[in-house]
Amino acid sequence: MKEQPTPTLPPSRVTLARGLLHPGHTGRDHRQAAPRPIGGLQVAWARHEDEVRAAQRLRYQVFAGEMGARLQTQVPGHDVDLFDDFCEHLLVRTSDTREVVGTYRVLTPAQALRIGSTYSDTEFDLTRLRSLRERMVETGRACVHPAHRHGGVILALWSALAGFMERNQLDTMVGCASIPLRHGGASGIEGGGDAAASIWNQVRRTHLAPIEYHVRPRLPLPLGQFDGTQAIEPPALIKGYLRLGAEVLGPPAWDPDFNSADLPMMLRIANLPARYRRHFQAT
């Protein structure tokens, strides 16, 4: 069992209890405290390679199995890419079986400098975000096991992430939020293009960021080819981001390998609605 490198910034361990998250440490060394099994879920940062592998297996199940992604991986049955070794991996487990049922990966500013970019840089021209990078984390590869998509898992992930950012004086989160190109039984851009275009037209009217933060997709989804007038609900993760005060930074990129349209999104801690800020600061 290989020990993970010491994180660039100190992680935290928290647990879900009565719908809220509480620290699982005494304040002296929050990296060593074990999470308490409360409320059926535990949240912790991966500390060993086998824990990262568990997250990568869940990612493979969701992205390849459900979304039809064509993953280029050297570890069969796992979603692995070159950014994983530079990221911190946040895990949600069930308290009884210890199964990983939710995961996020987080790339800190220091680690982004080490690798030379973020994953989002590979999909978008982020030039207009350069003034934010010193205090900006990138989140990605968010996924939840299909049997646990009831809101509690993603709330746990967000709460732990918000605490991490606050402790380390990081104020901005960016990432790609995927719209699967599987809709109505059809797969691929022909099947899901209408849905992605319609969702983009919805969110641009209400949640588009100021122009100084707009980014450009490197491989744009060809929006003009699709019917963008359909009344289609955005994926739950995107709706959750928007409730937290996130903004969309521009039109979606097309990711053929992941069979998705990816919206560039940004969340500033200062823009969190008061009720969420109180909740996250209490964790």
C-alpha atoms as a PDB file:
ATOM      1  CA  MET A   1       0.000   0.000   0.000  1.00  0.00           C
ATOM      2  CA  LYS A   2       1.777   3.124  -1.222  1.00  0.00           C
ATOM      3  CA  GLU A   3       1.594   6.281   0.875  1.00  0.00           C
ATOM      4  CA  GLN A   4       0.418   9.342  -1.011  1.00  0.00           C
ATOM      5  CA  PRO A   5       2.790  12.340  -1.059  1.00  0.00           C
ATOM      6  CA  THR A   6       2.210  14.973   1.604  1.00  0.00           C
ATOM      7  CA  PRO A   7      -0.442  17.311   0.173  1.00  0.00           C
ATOM      8  CA  THR A   8       0.694  20.746  -0.933  1.00  0.00           C
ATOM      9  CA  LEU A   9      -1.914  22.252   1.360  1.00  0.00           C
ATOM     10  CA  PRO A  10      -3.188  20.462   4.469  1.00  0.00           C
ATOM     11  CA  PRO A  11      -6.333  18.397   3.931  1.00  0.00           C
ATOM     12  CA  SER A  12      -9.135  17.982   6.424  1.00  0.00           C
ATOM     13  CA  ARG A  13     -11.323  15.094   7.508  1.00  0.00           C
ATOM     14  CA  VAL A  14     -14.963  15.680   8.210  1.00  0.00           C
ATOM     15  CA  THR A  15     -18.070  13.536   8.587  1.00  0.00           C
ATOM     16  CA  LEU A  16     -21.699  13.937   7.674  1.00  0.00           C
ATOM     17  CA  ALA A  17     -24.059  14.171  10.626  1.00  0.00           C
ATOM     18  CA  ARG A  18     -27.748  15.035  10.730  1.00  0.00           C
ATOM     19  CA  GLY A  19     -27.487  16.636   7.295  1.00  0.00           C
ATOM     20  CA  LEU A  20     -24.511  18.796   8.306  1.00  0.00           C
ATOM     21  CA  LEU A  21     -20.773  18.290   8.384  1.00  0.00           C
ATOM     22  CA  HIS A  22     -18.659  18.479  11.522  1.00  0.00           C
ATOM     23  CA  PRO A  23     -14.858  18.396  11.861  1.00  0.00           C
ATOM     24  CA  GLY A  24     -13.472  15.014  12.822  1.00  0.00           C
ATOM     25  CA  HIS A  25     -10.392  16.452  14.517  1.00  0.00           C
ATOM     26  CA  THR A  26      -9.311  18.302  17.654  1.00  0.00           C
ATOM     27  CA  GLY A  27      -7.695  21.251  15.876  1.00  0.00           C
ATOM     28  CA  ARG A  28      -4.116  20.196  16.656  1.00  0.00           C
ATOM     29  CA  ASP A  29      -3.407  18.024  13.607  1.00  0.00           C
ATOM     30  CA  HIS A  30      -6.408  17.607  11.369  1.00  0.00           C
ATOM     31  CA  ARG A  31      -4.476  15.422   8.948  1.00  0.00           C
ATOM     32  CA  GLN A  32      -4.228  12.568  11.461  1.00  0.00           C
ATOM     33  CA  ALA A  33      -7.752  12.434  12.863  1.00  0.00           C
ATOM     34  CA  ALA A  34      -9.936   9.586  11.609  1.00  0.00           C
ATOM     35  CA  PRO A  35     -13.462  10.395  10.450  1.00  0.00           C
ATOM     36  CA  ARG A  36     -16.282   9.361  12.754  1.00  0.00           C
ATOM     37  CA  PRO A  37     -19.005   7.112  11.262  1.00  0.00           C
ATOM     38  CA  ILE A  38     -22.002   9.416  11.738  1.00  0.00           C
ATOM     39  CA  GLY A  39     -25.036   9.733   9.534  1.00  0.00           C
ATOM     40  CA  GLY A  40     -24.084   6.899   7.219  1.00  0.00           C
ATOM     41  CA  LEU A  41     -21.374   8.775   5.272  1.00  0.00           C
ATOM     42  CA  GLN A  42     -17.734   9.659   5.870  1.00  0.00           C
ATOM     43  CA  VAL A  43     -15.677  12.273   4.024  1.00  0.00           C
ATOM     44  CA  ALA A  44     -11.880  12.187   3.908  1.00  0.00           C
ATOM     45  CA  TRP A  45      -8.922  12.999   1.686  1.00  0.00           C
ATOM     46  CA  ALA A  46      -7.127  10.056   0.116  1.00  0.00           C
ATOM     47  CA  ARG A  47      -3.867   9.275   1.884  1.00  0.00           C
ATOM     48  CA  HIS A  48      -2.782   6.091   0.095  1.00  0.00           C
ATOM     49  CA  GLU A  49      -2.619   4.959  -3.498  1.00  0.00           C
ATOM     50  CA  ASP A  50      -5.249   2.278  -2.916  1.00  0.00           C
ATOM     51  CA  GLU A  51      -7.720   4.985  -1.854  1.00  0.00           C
ATOM     52  CA  VAL A  52      -7.042   6.913  -5.066  1.00  0.00           C
ATOM     53  CA  ARG A  53      -7.555   3.671  -7.011  1.00  0.00           C
ATOM     54  CA  ALA A  54     -10.989   3.275  -5.387  1.00  0.00           C
ATOM     55  CA  ALA A  55     -11.938   6.753  -6.608  1.00  0.00           C
ATOM     56  CA  GLN A  56     -10.629   5.958 -10.083  1.00  0.00           C
ATOM     57  CA  ARG A  57     -12.728   2.774 -10.210  1.00  0.00           C
ATOM     58  CA  LEU A  58     -15.866   4.739  -9.368  1.00  0.00           C
ATOM     59  CA  ARG A  59     -14.984   7.302 -12.031  1.00  0.00           C
ATOM     60  CA  TYR A  60     -14.559   4.539 -14.602  1.00  0.00           C
ATOM     61  CA  GLN A  61     -17.922   3.054 -13.670  1.00  0.00           C
ATOM     62  CA  VAL A  62     -19.708   6.392 -14.090  1.00  0.00           C
ATOM     63  CA  PHE A  63     -17.854   7.890 -17.047  1.00  0.00           C
ATOM     64  CA  ALA A  64     -17.255   4.774 -19.145  1.00  0.00           C
ATOM     65  CA  GLY A  65     -20.194   2.658 -17.984  1.00  0.00           C
ATOM     66  CA  GLU A  66     -22.909   5.330 -17.870  1.00  0.00           C
ATOM     67  CA  MET A  67     -21.699   8.130 -20.119  1.00  0.00           C
ATOM     68  CA  GLY A  68     -20.004   5.984 -22.735  1.00  0.00           C
ATOM     69  CA  ALA A  69     -16.641   7.708 -22.388  1.00  0.00           C
ATOM     70  CA  ARG A  70     -13.687   6.318 -24.327  1.00  0.00           C
ATOM     71  CA  LEU A  71     -11.024   6.385 -21.643  1.00  0.00           C
ATOM     72  CA  GLN A  72      -7.356   6.042 -22.446  1.00  0.00           C
ATOM     73  CA  THR A  73      -6.006   4.426 -19.312  1.00  0.00           C
ATOM     74  CA  GLN A  74      -3.096   2.155 -18.486  1.00  0.00           C
ATOM     75  CA  VAL A  75      -4.989   0.653 -15.536  1.00  0.00           C
ATOM     76  CA  PRO A  76      -7.921  -1.476 -16.740  1.00  0.00           C
ATOM     77  CA  GLY A  77     -11.216  -0.596 -15.088  1.00  0.00           C
ATOM     78  CA  HIS A  78      -9.879   2.710 -13.735  1.00  0.00           C
ATOM     79  CA  ASP A  79     -10.117   6.294 -14.994  1.00  0.00           C
ATOM     80  CA  VAL A  80      -6.512   7.535 -14.719  1.00  0.00           C
ATOM     81  CA  ASP A  81      -4.879  10.564 -16.334  1.00  0.00           C
ATOM     82  CA  LEU A  82      -1.702  12.604 -15.903  1.00  0.00           C
ATOM     83  CA  PHE A  83      -3.367  15.141 -13.565  1.00  0.00           C
ATOM     84  CA  ASP A  84      -4.243  12.546 -10.914  1.00  0.00           C
ATOM     85  CA  ASP A  85      -0.746  12.422  -9.409  1.00  0.00           C
ATOM     86  CA  PHE A  86      -0.832  16.181  -8.833  1.00  0.00           C
ATOM     87  CA  CYS A  87      -4.330  16.338  -7.326  1.00  0.00           C
ATOM     88  CA  GLU A  88      -5.781  15.822  -3.877  1.00  0.00           C
ATOM     89  CA  HIS A  89      -8.619  13.286  -3.995  1.00  0.00           C
ATOM     90  CA  LEU A  90     -11.690  13.805  -1.836  1.00  0.00           C
ATOM     91  CA  LEU A  91     -13.696  10.669  -1.032  1.00  0.00           C
ATOM     92  CA  VAL A  92     -17.126   9.961   0.392  1.00  0.00           C
ATOM     93  CA  ARG A  93     -17.590   6.465   1.824  1.00  0.00           C
ATOM     94  CA  THR A  94     -20.463   4.629   3.413  1.00  0.00           C
ATOM     95  CA  SER A  95     -19.835   4.124   7.120  1.00  0.00           C
ATOM     96  CA  ASP A  96     -20.798   0.444   7.104  1.00  0.00           C
ATOM     97  CA  THR A  97     -19.189  -0.971   3.942  1.00  0.00           C
ATOM     98  CA  ARG A  98     -16.472   1.685   3.449  1.00  0.00           C
ATOM     99  CA  GLU A  99     -17.355   1.718  -0.250  1.00  0.00           C
ATOM    100  CA  VAL A 100     -16.382   4.921  -2.085  1.00  0.00           C
ATOM    101  CA  VAL A 101     -19.656   6.381  -3.360  1.00  0.00           C
ATOM    102  CA  GLY A 102     -18.533   9.886  -4.290  1.00  0.00           C
ATOM    103  CA  THR A 103     -15.337  11.624  -5.290  1.00  0.00           C
ATOM    104  CA  TYR A 104     -13.824  14.918  -6.384  1.00  0.00           C
ATOM    105  CA  ARG A 105     -10.278  15.715  -7.323  1.00  0.00           C
ATOM    106  CA  VAL A 106      -8.767  19.080  -6.430  1.00  0.00           C
ATOM    107  CA  LEU A 107      -5.800  20.765  -8.106  1.00  0.00           C
ATOM    108  CA  THR A 108      -4.278  23.502  -5.944  1.00  0.00           C
ATOM    109  CA  PRO A 109      -2.531  26.586  -7.387  1.00  0.00           C
ATOM    110  CA  ALA A 110       0.915  25.286  -6.391  1.00  0.00           C
ATOM    111  CA  GLN A 111       0.328  21.928  -8.042  1.00  0.00           C
ATOM    112  CA  ALA A 112      -1.081  23.584 -11.167  1.00  0.00           C
ATOM    113  CA  LEU A 113       2.214  25.457 -11.434  1.00  0.00           C
ATOM    114  CA  ARG A 114       4.131  22.184 -11.075  1.00  0.00           C
ATOM    115  CA  ILE A 115       2.262  20.432 -13.868  1.00  0.00           C
ATOM    116  CA  GLY A 116       2.054  23.568 -15.995  1.00  0.00           C
ATOM    117  CA  SER A 117      -1.715  23.872 -16.428  1.00  0.00           C
ATOM    118  CA  THR A 118      -5.100  22.760 -15.195  1.00  0.00           C
ATOM    119  CA  TYR A 119      -7.330  20.204 -16.873  1.00  0.00           C
ATOM    120  CA  SER A 120      -9.665  23.060 -17.797  1.00  0.00           C
ATOM    121  CA  ASP A 121      -6.800  24.668 -19.744  1.00  0.00           C
ATOM    122  CA  THR A 122      -6.892  21.688 -22.091  1.00  0.00           C
ATOM    123  CA  GLU A 123     -10.535  22.415 -22.959  1.00  0.00           C
ATOM    124  CA  PHE A 124     -10.671  26.224 -22.742  1.00  0.00           C
ATOM    125  CA  ASP A 125      -8.524  29.298 -23.226  1.00  0.00           C
ATOM    126  CA  LEU A 126      -8.467  30.613 -19.641  1.00  0.00           C
ATOM    127  CA  THR A 127      -6.423  33.747 -20.359  1.00  0.00           C
ATOM    128  CA  ARG A 128      -8.987  36.013 -18.719  1.00  0.00           C
ATOM    129  CA  LEU A 129      -8.685  34.114 -15.429  1.00  0.00           C
ATOM    130  CA  ARG A 130      -4.958  34.770 -15.037  1.00  0.00           C
ATOM    131  CA  SER A 131      -5.498  37.341 -12.268  1.00  0.00           C
ATOM    132  CA  LEU A 132      -7.342  34.703 -10.185  1.00  0.00           C
ATOM    133  CA  ARG A 133      -4.903  31.812 -10.443  1.00  0.00           C
ATOM    134  CA  GLU A 134      -2.909  32.419  -7.253  1.00  0.00           C
ATOM    135  CA  ARG A 135      -6.004  31.692  -5.151  1.00  0.00           C
ATOM    136  CA  MET A 136      -7.901  29.435  -7.548  1.00  0.00           C
ATOM    137  CA  VAL A 137      -8.439  25.705  -7.213  1.00  0.00           C
ATOM    138  CA  GLU A 138      -9.685  23.458  -9.982  1.00  0.00           C
ATOM    139  CA  THR A 139     -12.161  20.717  -9.186  1.00  0.00           C
ATOM    140  CA  GLY A 140     -12.983  17.911 -11.543  1.00  0.00           C
ATOM    141  CA  ARG A 141     -13.953  14.312 -12.143  1.00  0.00           C
ATOM    142  CA  ALA A 142     -16.897  14.749  -9.766  1.00  0.00           C
ATOM    143  CA  CYS A 143     -19.083  11.672  -9.665  1.00  0.00           C
ATOM    144  CA  VAL A 144     -21.491   9.864  -7.369  1.00  0.00           C
ATOM    145  CA  HIS A 145     -22.447   6.188  -7.341  1.00  0.00           C
ATOM    146  CA  PRO A 146     -25.893   5.748  -8.956  1.00  0.00           C
ATOM    147  CA  ALA A 147     -27.334   4.254  -5.744  1.00  0.00           C
ATOM    148  CA  HIS A 148     -26.401   7.354  -3.717  1.00  0.00           C
ATOM    149  CA  ARG A 149     -27.576  10.271  -5.820  1.00  0.00           C
ATOM    150  CA  HIS A 150     -29.787  11.758  -3.152  1.00  0.00           C
ATOM    151  CA  GLY A 151     -27.942  15.006  -2.489  1.00  0.00           C
ATOM    152  CA  GLY A 152     -26.154  14.045   0.700  1.00  0.00           C
ATOM    153  CA  VAL A 153     -22.999  12.853  -1.037  1.00  0.00           C
ATOM    154  CA  ILE A 154     -22.471  15.987  -3.123  1.00  0.00           C
ATOM    155  CA  LEU A 155     -23.282  18.194  -0.104  1.00  0.00           C
ATOM    156  CA  ALA A 156     -20.603  16.358   1.837  1.00  0.00           C
ATOM    157  CA  LEU A 157     -18.055  16.878  -0.923  1.00  0.00           C
ATOM    158  CA  TRP A 158     -18.849  20.577  -1.259  1.00  0.00           C
ATOM    159  CA  SER A 159     -18.726  21.162   2.485  1.00  0.00           C
ATOM    160  CA  ALA A 160     -15.305  19.545   2.819  1.00  0.00           C
ATOM    161  CA  LEU A 161     -14.036  21.476  -0.185  1.00  0.00           C
ATOM    162  CA  ALA A 162     -15.335  24.799   1.152  1.00  0.00           C
ATOM    163  CA  GLY A 163     -13.576  24.181   4.460  1.00  0.00           C
ATOM    164  CA  PHE A 164     -10.350  23.324   2.657  1.00  0.00           C
ATOM    165  CA  MET A 165     -10.512  26.526   0.636  1.00  0.00           C
ATOM    166  CA  GLU A 166     -11.293  28.722   3.619  1.00  0.00           C
ATOM    167  CA  ARG A 167      -8.425  27.325   5.730  1.00  0.00           C
ATOM    168  CA  ASN A 168      -5.961  27.836   2.886  1.00  0.00           C
ATOM    169  CA  GLN A 169      -7.195  31.289   1.831  1.00  0.00           C
ATOM    170  CA  LEU A 170      -8.352  30.147  -1.592  1.00  0.00           C
ATOM    171  CA  ASP A 171     -11.314  32.102  -2.906  1.00  0.00           C
ATOM    172  CA  THR A 172     -12.159  30.758  -6.378  1.00  0.00           C
ATOM    173  CA  MET A 173     -13.116  27.345  -7.736  1.00  0.00           C
ATOM    174  CA  VAL A 174     -13.236  26.533 -11.443  1.00  0.00           C
ATOM    175  CA  GLY A 175     -14.007  23.384 -13.361  1.00  0.00           C
ATOM    176  CA  CYS A 176     -15.778  21.750 -16.276  1.00  0.00           C
ATOM    177  CA  ALA A 177     -19.360  20.650 -15.611  1.00  0.00           C
ATOM    178  CA  SER A 178     -20.370  17.917 -18.021  1.00  0.00           C
ATOM    179  CA  ILE A 179     -23.630  17.509 -19.896  1.00  0.00           C
ATOM    180  CA  PRO A 180     -23.720  13.862 -21.060  1.00  0.00           C
ATOM    181  CA  LEU A 181     -24.444  13.522 -24.764  1.00  0.00           C
ATOM    182  CA  ARG A 182     -26.850  10.714 -24.105  1.00  0.00           C
ATOM    183  CA  HIS A 183     -30.443  11.842 -24.261  1.00  0.00           C
ATOM    184  CA  GLY A 184     -33.693  10.083 -25.055  1.00  0.00           C
ATOM    185  CA  GLY A 185     -31.912   6.818 -25.720  1.00  0.00           C
ATOM    186  CA  ALA A 186     -29.561   8.355 -28.292  1.00  0.00           C
ATOM    187  CA  SER A 187     -25.819   8.702 -27.766  1.00  0.00           C
ATOM    188  CA  GLY A 188     -23.209  11.027 -29.167  1.00  0.00           C
ATOM    189  CA  ILE A 189     -23.359  14.597 -30.392  1.00  0.00           C
ATOM    190  CA  GLU A 190     -26.278  13.839 -32.704  1.00  0.00           C
ATOM    191  CA  GLY A 191     -28.330  12.436 -29.842  1.00  0.00           C
ATOM    192  CA  GLY A 192     -27.430  14.883 -27.081  1.00  0.00           C
ATOM    193  CA  GLY A 193     -26.588  18.074 -28.965  1.00  0.00           C
ATOM    194  CA  ASP A 194     -30.107  19.491 -28.673  1.00  0.00           C
ATOM    195  CA  ALA A 195     -30.098  18.942 -24.918  1.00  0.00           C
ATOM    196  CA  ALA A 196     -26.693  20.556 -24.438  1.00  0.00           C
ATOM    197  CA  ALA A 197     -27.606  23.563 -26.594  1.00  0.00           C
ATOM    198  CA  SER A 198     -30.874  24.008 -24.721  1.00  0.00           C
ATOM    199  CA  ILE A 199     -29.183  23.876 -21.325  1.00  0.00           C
ATOM    200  CA  TRP A 200     -26.576  26.410 -22.469  1.00  0.00           C
ATOM    201  CA  ASN A 201     -29.319  28.779 -23.633  1.00  0.00           C
ATOM    202  CA  GLN A 202     -31.039  28.480 -20.246  1.00  0.00           C
ATOM    203  CA  VAL A 203     -28.014  29.132 -18.078  1.00  0.00           C
ATOM    204  CA  ARG A 204     -26.540  31.917 -20.219  1.00  0.00           C
ATOM    205  CA  ARG A 205     -29.667  34.014 -19.616  1.00  0.00           C
ATOM    206  CA  THR A 206     -29.457  33.811 -15.840  1.00  0.00           C
ATOM    207  CA  HIS A 207     -25.956  32.790 -14.751  1.00  0.00           C
ATOM    208  CA  LEU A 208     -23.445  34.124 -17.292  1.00  0.00           C
ATOM    209  CA  ALA A 209     -20.322  35.625 -15.692  1.00  0.00           C
ATOM    210  CA  PRO A 210     -19.182  39.187 -16.448  1.00  0.00           C
ATOM    211  CA  ILE A 211     -17.354  39.477 -19.761  1.00  0.00           C
ATOM    212  CA  GLU A 212     -13.965  39.969 -18.096  1.00  0.00           C
ATOM    213  CA  TYR A 213     -14.101  36.305 -17.014  1.00  0.00           C
ATOM    214  CA  HIS A 214     -15.313  34.766 -20.267  1.00  0.00           C
ATOM    215  CA  VAL A 215     -13.317  31.862 -21.678  1.00  0.00           C
ATOM    216  CA  ARG A 216     -13.285  30.212 -25.104  1.00  0.00           C
ATOM    217  CA  PRO A 217     -13.635  26.491 -25.823  1.00  0.00           C
ATOM    218  CA  ARG A 218     -10.779  24.973 -27.785  1.00  0.00           C
ATOM    219  CA  LEU A 219     -13.190  22.554 -29.479  1.00  0.00           C
ATOM    220  CA  PRO A 220     -16.569  24.314 -29.380  1.00  0.00           C
ATOM    221  CA  LEU A 221     -19.790  22.357 -29.402  1.00  0.00           C
ATOM    222  CA  PRO A 222     -21.337  23.343 -32.781  1.00  0.00           C
ATOM    223  CA  LEU A 223     -24.367  24.977 -31.180  1.00  0.00           C
ATOM    224  CA  GLY A 224     -25.774  26.260 -34.472  1.00  0.00           C
ATOM    225  CA  GLN A 225     -26.491  22.709 -35.602  1.00  0.00           C
ATOM    226  CA  PHE A 226     -28.934  21.974 -32.796  1.00  0.00           C
ATOM    227  CA  ASP A 227     -32.361  22.921 -31.509  1.00  0.00           C
ATOM    228  CA  GLY A 228     -31.560  24.933 -28.386  1.00  0.00           C
ATOM    229  CA  THR A 229     -35.160  25.755 -27.483  1.00  0.00           C
ATOM    230  CA  GLN A 230     -36.124  22.573 -25.652  1.00  0.00           C
ATOM    231  CA  ALA A 231     -37.213  22.642 -22.001  1.00  0.00           C
ATOM    232  CA  ILE A 232     -34.584  20.312 -20.549  1.00  0.00           C
ATOM    233  CA  GLU A 233     -33.440  20.146 -16.942  1.00  0.00           C
ATOM    234  CA  PRO A 234     -29.699  20.654 -16.435  1.00  0.00           C
ATOM    235  CA  PRO A 235     -27.853  17.794 -14.733  1.00  0.00           C
ATOM    236  CA  ALA A 236     -28.137  17.790 -10.943  1.00  0.00           C
ATOM    237  CA  LEU A 237     -24.504  18.810 -10.454  1.00  0.00           C
ATOM    238  CA  ILE A 238     -24.908  21.900 -12.629  1.00  0.00           C
ATOM    239  CA  LYS A 239     -28.119  22.874 -10.859  1.00  0.00           C
ATOM    240  CA  GLY A 240     -26.328  22.484  -7.547  1.00  0.00           C
ATOM    241  CA  TYR A 241     -23.462  24.714  -8.662  1.00  0.00           C
ATOM    242  CA  LEU A 242     -25.899  27.407  -9.758  1.00  0.00           C
ATOM    243  CA  ARG A 243     -27.733  27.306  -6.419  1.00  0.00           C
ATOM    244  CA  LEU A 244     -24.388  27.919  -4.728  1.00  0.00           C
ATOM    245  CA  GLY A 245     -23.857  31.064  -6.783  1.00  0.00           C
ATOM    246  CA  ALA A 246     -21.653  29.665  -9.554  1.00  0.00           C
ATOM    247  CA  GLU A 247     -21.418  31.397 -12.913  1.00  0.00           C
ATOM    248  CA  VAL A 248     -20.989  30.020 -16.415  1.00  0.00           C
ATOM    249  CA  LEU A 249     -17.899  31.395 -18.151  1.00  0.00           C
ATOM    250  CA  GLY A 250     -18.900  30.757 -21.744  1.00  0.00           C
ATOM    251  CA  PRO A 251     -20.342  28.231 -24.211  1.00  0.00           C
ATOM    252  CA  PRO A 252     -19.609  24.522 -23.842  1.00  0.00           C
ATOM    253  CA  ALA A 253     -16.655  22.645 -25.231  1.00  0.00           C
ATOM    254  CA  TRP A 254     -17.196  19.330 -26.977  1.00  0.00           C
ATOM    255  CA  ASP A 255     -15.328  16.404 -25.431  1.00  0.00           C
ATOM    256  CA  PRO A 256     -15.710  13.477 -27.858  1.00  0.00           C
ATOM    257  CA  ASP A 257     -13.745  11.079 -25.640  1.00  0.00           C
ATOM    258  CA  PHE A 258     -16.008  11.679 -22.647  1.00  0.00           C
ATOM    259  CA  ASN A 259     -19.121  11.879 -24.820  1.00  0.00           C
ATOM    260  CA  SER A 260     -20.042  15.167 -23.177  1.00  0.00           C
ATOM    261  CA  ALA A 261     -20.503  18.888 -23.602  1.00  0.00           C
ATOM    262  CA  ASP A 262     -18.520  20.662 -20.887  1.00  0.00           C
ATOM    263  CA  LEU A 263     -19.596  23.984 -19.433  1.00  0.00           C
ATOM    264  CA  PRO A 264     -16.837  26.143 -17.906  1.00  0.00           C
ATOM    265  CA  MET A 265     -17.972  27.197 -14.439  1.00  0.00           C
ATOM    266  CA  MET A 266     -16.591  29.373 -11.672  1.00  0.00           C
ATOM    267  CA  LEU A 267     -17.627  29.729  -8.046  1.00  0.00           C
ATOM    268  CA  ARG A 268     -16.299  32.562  -5.902  1.00  0.00           C
ATOM    269  CA  ILE A 269     -16.557  31.984  -2.162  1.00  0.00           C
ATOM    270  CA  ALA A 270     -17.731  35.580  -1.784  1.00  0.00           C
ATOM    271  CA  ASN A 271     -20.732  34.774  -4.000  1.00  0.00           C
ATOM    272  CA  LEU A 272     -22.036  31.926  -1.851  1.00  0.00           C
ATOM    273  CA  PRO A 273     -25.589  32.688  -0.683  1.00  0.00           C
ATOM    274  CA  ALA A 274     -25.676  33.527   3.020  1.00  0.00           C
ATOM    275  CA  ARG A 275     -27.430  30.304   4.027  1.00  0.00           C
ATOM    276  CA  TYR A 276     -24.755  28.158   2.376  1.00  0.00           C
ATOM    277  CA  ARG A 277     -21.908  30.288   3.708  1.00  0.00           C
ATOM    278  CA  ARG A 278     -23.204  29.878   7.272  1.00  0.00           C
ATOM    279  CA  HIS A 279     -23.528  26.154   6.782  1.00  0.00           C
ATOM    280  CA  PHE A 280     -20.081  25.628   5.283  1.00  0.00           C
ATOM    281  CA  GLN A 281     -18.344  27.914   7.792  1.00  0.00           C
ATOM    282  CA  ALA A 282     -19.904  25.892  10.595  1.00  0.00           C
ATOM    283  CA  THR A 283     -18.294  22.663   9.393  1.00  0.00           C
END
